[in-house]
Every structure is written in structure tokens, then in C-alpha cells.
C-alpha atoms as a PDB file:
ATOM      1  CA  MET A   1     -21.405   9.147   3.414  1.00  0.00           C
ATOM      2  CA  ASN A   2     -21.366   5.445   2.597  1.00  0.00           C
ATOM      3  CA  LEU A   3     -18.951   6.095  -0.260  1.00  0.00           C
ATOM      4  CA  GLU A   4     -16.548   7.866   2.098  1.00  0.00           C
ATOM      5  CA  ILE A   5     -16.615   4.947   4.536  1.00  0.00           C
ATOM      6  CA  SER A   6     -15.870   2.425   1.774  1.00  0.00           C
ATOM      7  CA  ILE A   7     -13.014   4.628   0.523  1.00  0.00           C
ATOM      8  CA  GLN A   8     -11.570   4.808   4.043  1.00  0.00           C
ATOM      9  CA  ARG A   9     -11.717   1.009   4.346  1.00  0.00           C
ATOM     10  CA  LEU A  10     -10.048   0.631   0.951  1.00  0.00           C
ATOM     11  CA  GLU A  11      -7.340   3.132   1.925  1.00  0.00           C
ATOM     12  CA  ARG A  12      -6.683   1.258   5.193  1.00  0.00           C
ATOM     13  CA  ARG A  13      -6.262  -2.049   3.358  1.00  0.00           C
ATOM     14  CA  ALA A  14      -4.039  -0.452   0.725  1.00  0.00           C
ATOM     15  CA  ARG A  15      -1.892   1.159   3.434  1.00  0.00           C
ATOM     16  CA  ALA A  16      -1.529  -2.214   5.192  1.00  0.00           C
ATOM     17  CA  VAL A  17      -0.443  -3.926   1.958  1.00  0.00           C
ATOM     18  CA  ARG A  18       2.008  -1.127   1.149  1.00  0.00           C
ATOM     19  CA  LYS A  19       3.417  -1.205   4.703  1.00  0.00           C
ATOM     20  CA  ALA A  20       3.861  -4.984   4.518  1.00  0.00           C
ATOM     21  CA  SER A  21       5.665  -4.673   1.196  1.00  0.00           C
ATOM     22  CA  PHE A  22       8.059  -2.123   2.709  1.00  0.00           C
ATOM     23  CA  TRP A  23       8.744  -4.488   5.605  1.00  0.00           C
ATOM     24  CA  GLY A  24       9.373  -7.277   3.113  1.00  0.00           C
ATOM     25  CA  LEU A  25      11.752  -5.054   1.191  1.00  0.00           C
ATOM     26  CA  GLY A  26      13.673  -4.306   4.393  1.00  0.00           C
ATOM     27  CA  ILE A  27      13.886  -7.995   5.285  1.00  0.00           C
ATOM     28  CA  MET A  28      15.004  -8.798   1.761  1.00  0.00           C
ATOM     29  CA  ILE A  29      17.777  -6.202   1.910  1.00  0.00           C
ATOM     30  CA  ALA A  30      18.864  -7.453   5.334  1.00  0.00           C
ATOM     31  CA  GLY A  31      18.822 -11.028   4.022  1.00  0.00           C
ATOM     32  CA  MET A  32      21.165 -10.021   1.221  1.00  0.00           C
ATOM     33  CA  VAL A  33      23.474  -7.632   3.099  1.00  0.00           C
ATOM     34  CA  LEU A  34      24.061  -9.614   6.305  1.00  0.00           C
ATOM     35  CA  PRO A  35      25.554 -12.716   4.608  1.00  0.00           C
ATOM     36  CA  ILE A  36      27.942 -10.481   2.690  1.00  0.00           C
ATOM     37  CA  SER A  37      29.009  -8.753   5.892  1.00  0.00           C
ATOM     38  CA  LEU A  38      29.539 -12.138   7.589  1.00  0.00           C
ATOM     39  CA  GLN A  39      31.797 -13.203   4.731  1.00  0.00           C
ATOM     40  CA  VAL A  40      33.736  -9.949   4.870  1.00  0.00           C
ATOM     41  CA  LEU A  41      34.284 -10.400   8.614  1.00  0.00           C
ATOM     42  CA  GLY A  42      35.429 -13.966   8.061  1.00  0.00           C
ATOM     43  CA  LEU A  43      32.630 -15.494  10.139  1.00  0.00           C
ATOM     44  CA  ASP A  44      31.073 -17.453   7.317  1.00  0.00           C
ATOM     45  CA  ASP A  45      32.832 -20.711   8.300  1.00  0.00           C
ATOM     46  CA  LYS A  46      31.541 -20.612  11.885  1.00  0.00           C
ATOM     47  CA  PHE A  47      27.996 -19.552  11.049  1.00  0.00           C
ATOM     48  CA  GLN A  48      27.224 -21.454   7.856  1.00  0.00           C
ATOM     49  CA  TRP A  49      23.668 -22.163   9.015  1.00  0.00           C
ATOM     50  CA  VAL A  50      23.093 -18.442   9.597  1.00  0.00           C
ATOM     51  CA  LEU A  51      24.041 -17.736   5.998  1.00  0.00           C
ATOM     52  CA  LEU A  52      21.534 -20.309   4.768  1.00  0.00           C
ATOM     53  CA  VAL A  53      18.776 -18.934   7.004  1.00  0.00           C
ATOM     54  CA  LEU A  54      19.440 -15.337   5.976  1.00  0.00           C
ATOM     55  CA  CYS A  55      19.528 -16.179   2.278  1.00  0.00           C
ATOM     56  CA  GLY A  56      16.330 -18.211   2.650  1.00  0.00           C
ATOM     57  CA  CYS A  57      14.586 -15.376   4.461  1.00  0.00           C
ATOM     58  CA  GLY A  58      15.777 -12.941   1.820  1.00  0.00           C
ATOM     59  CA  GLY A  59      14.427 -15.134  -0.961  1.00  0.00           C
ATOM     60  CA  VAL A  60      11.043 -15.608   0.710  1.00  0.00           C
ATOM     61  CA  ALA A  61      10.856 -11.883   1.447  1.00  0.00           C
ATOM     62  CA  MET A  62      11.684 -11.090  -2.186  1.00  0.00           C
ATOM     63  CA  PHE A  63       8.865 -13.318  -3.424  1.00  0.00           C
ATOM     64  CA  THR A  64       6.283 -12.004  -0.956  1.00  0.00           C
ATOM     65  CA  THR A  65       7.313  -8.396  -1.566  1.00  0.00           C
ATOM     66  CA  GLY A  66       6.829  -8.913  -5.287  1.00  0.00           C
ATOM     67  CA  VAL A  67       3.394 -10.420  -4.716  1.00  0.00           C
ATOM     68  CA  LEU A  68       2.360  -7.619  -2.355  1.00  0.00           C
ATOM     69  CA  ALA A  69       3.656  -4.926  -4.709  1.00  0.00           C
ATOM     70  CA  GLY A  70       1.719  -6.536  -7.553  1.00  0.00           C
ATOM     71  CA  ILE A  71      -1.465  -6.666  -5.490  1.00  0.00           C
ATOM     72  CA  TYR A  72      -1.063  -3.025  -4.516  1.00  0.00           C
ATOM     73  CA  SER A  73      -0.280  -1.892  -8.069  1.00  0.00           C
ATOM     74  CA  TYR A  74      -3.005  -3.819  -9.859  1.00  0.00           C
ATOM     75  CA  LYS A  75      -5.779  -3.960  -7.280  1.00  0.00           C
ATOM     76  CA  TYR A  76      -5.622  -1.109  -4.798  1.00  0.00           C
ATOM     77  CA  LEU A  77      -4.018   1.726  -6.754  1.00  0.00           C
ATOM     78  CA  PRO A  78      -6.592   1.760  -9.600  1.00  0.00           C
ATOM     79  CA  ALA A  79      -9.456   1.164  -7.138  1.00  0.00           C
ATOM     80  CA  LEU A  80      -8.356   4.129  -5.036  1.00  0.00           C
ATOM     81  CA  GLY A  81      -8.191   6.337  -8.115  1.00  0.00           C
ATOM     82  CA  ARG A  82     -11.694   5.305  -9.213  1.00  0.00           C
ATOM     83  CA  ALA A  83     -13.090   5.728  -5.707  1.00  0.00           C
ATOM     84  CA  LYS A  84     -11.652   9.223  -5.355  1.00  0.00           C
ATOM     85  CA  ASP A  85     -13.039  10.178  -8.774  1.00  0.00           C
ATOM     86  CA  ASP A  86     -16.472   8.840  -7.748  1.00  0.00           C
ATOM     87  CA  LEU A  87     -16.314  10.813  -4.515  1.00  0.00           C
ATOM     88  CA  LEU A  88     -15.383  13.961  -6.395  1.00  0.00           C
ATOM     89  CA  SER A  89     -18.234  13.586  -8.909  1.00  0.00           C
ATOM     90  CA  THR A  90     -20.709  12.841  -6.093  1.00  0.00           C
ATOM     91  CA  THR A  91     -19.549  15.900  -4.169  1.00  0.00           C
ATOM     92  CA  ILE A  92     -19.895  18.112  -7.254  1.00  0.00           C
ATOM     93  CA  ALA A  93     -23.416  16.774  -7.892  1.00  0.00           C
ATOM     94  CA  GLN A  94     -24.390  17.478  -4.269  1.00  0.00           C
ATOM     95  CA  LEU A  95     -22.988  21.005  -4.517  1.00  0.00           C
ATOM     96  CA  GLN A  96     -25.006  21.635  -7.674  1.00  0.00           C
ATOM     97  CA  GLN A  97     -28.161  20.492  -5.885  1.00  0.00           C
ATOM     98  CA  GLN A  98     -27.414  22.730  -2.917  1.00  0.00           C
ATOM     99  CA  ILE A  99     -26.784  25.713  -5.213  1.00  0.00           C
ATOM    100  CA  ALA A 100     -30.090  25.068  -7.012  1.00  0.00           C
ATOM    101  CA  GLU A 101     -31.930  24.893  -3.658  1.00  0.00           C
ATOM    102  CA  LEU A 102     -30.345  28.129  -2.492  1.00  0.00           C
ATOM    103  CA  GLY A 103     -31.264  29.772  -5.791  1.00  0.00           C
ATOM    104  CA  ARG A 104     -34.904  28.710  -5.351  1.00  0.00           C
ATOM    105  CA  LYS A 105     -34.932  30.019  -1.773  1.00  0.00           C
ATOM    106  CA  ILE A 106     -33.489  33.357  -2.842  1.00  0.00           C
ATOM    107  CA  ASP A 107     -35.980  33.745  -5.722  1.00  0.00           C
ATOM    108  CA  ARG A 108     -38.981  33.288  -3.394  1.00  0.00           C
ATOM    109  CA  PRO A 109     -40.169  36.496  -1.746  1.00  0.00           C
END
């Protein structure tokens, strides 16, 4: 039971990191696409500061998304795999014990 709770906590943290990296990816794409669309519309002269802010946000989002993706790939993904394998082996061991107990109960008259 304790193993299942720790796996659930690990899955929640991993989901939060993955969700944050997707948000960062979206912000990065917006930070790269919006300046291009402003230039296409001819509004880049009027809103020069907006271009700088969007490019800055895109750059920061790119860096943080890379960090979050690295954390997820190297910390949470292998840990989740190991935890699920541990849970599976624990469950199989418990089933073997339960089968042995049932066998002993059936053998008794």
C-alpha cells in the first residue's frame, strides 16, 4: 500500500513537470510566431518593444522547457518505470502467497 502511495505521488509530480513543459513549449511557439506575424502585418515599427518582449519570453520559455524536459526524461521517466516494475513484482509475490495460503486451506480436511 505504501508503495502505491509513493508511486501516485511520483506520478503527480511527473505530470506537473510534463504539463509545465507543454505550457513552456506553447509560450515558446507564441514567442516565435507572434513577432513574425507583427512584421508581416507591418506593425513592427509601432510595437518594437512588443517584439523585444515576445522574443525575450520565447527565449526564456525555450530554456525552461529544455530544463523541464530534461528533468522529466532523466529523473521521473526512469523512476516511474522502476516504481511500476517494483509494484508489479510485489503484487506477484503477494499473489503467490495468497495462492499458497489457499492451497493449504484446501488441503486441510
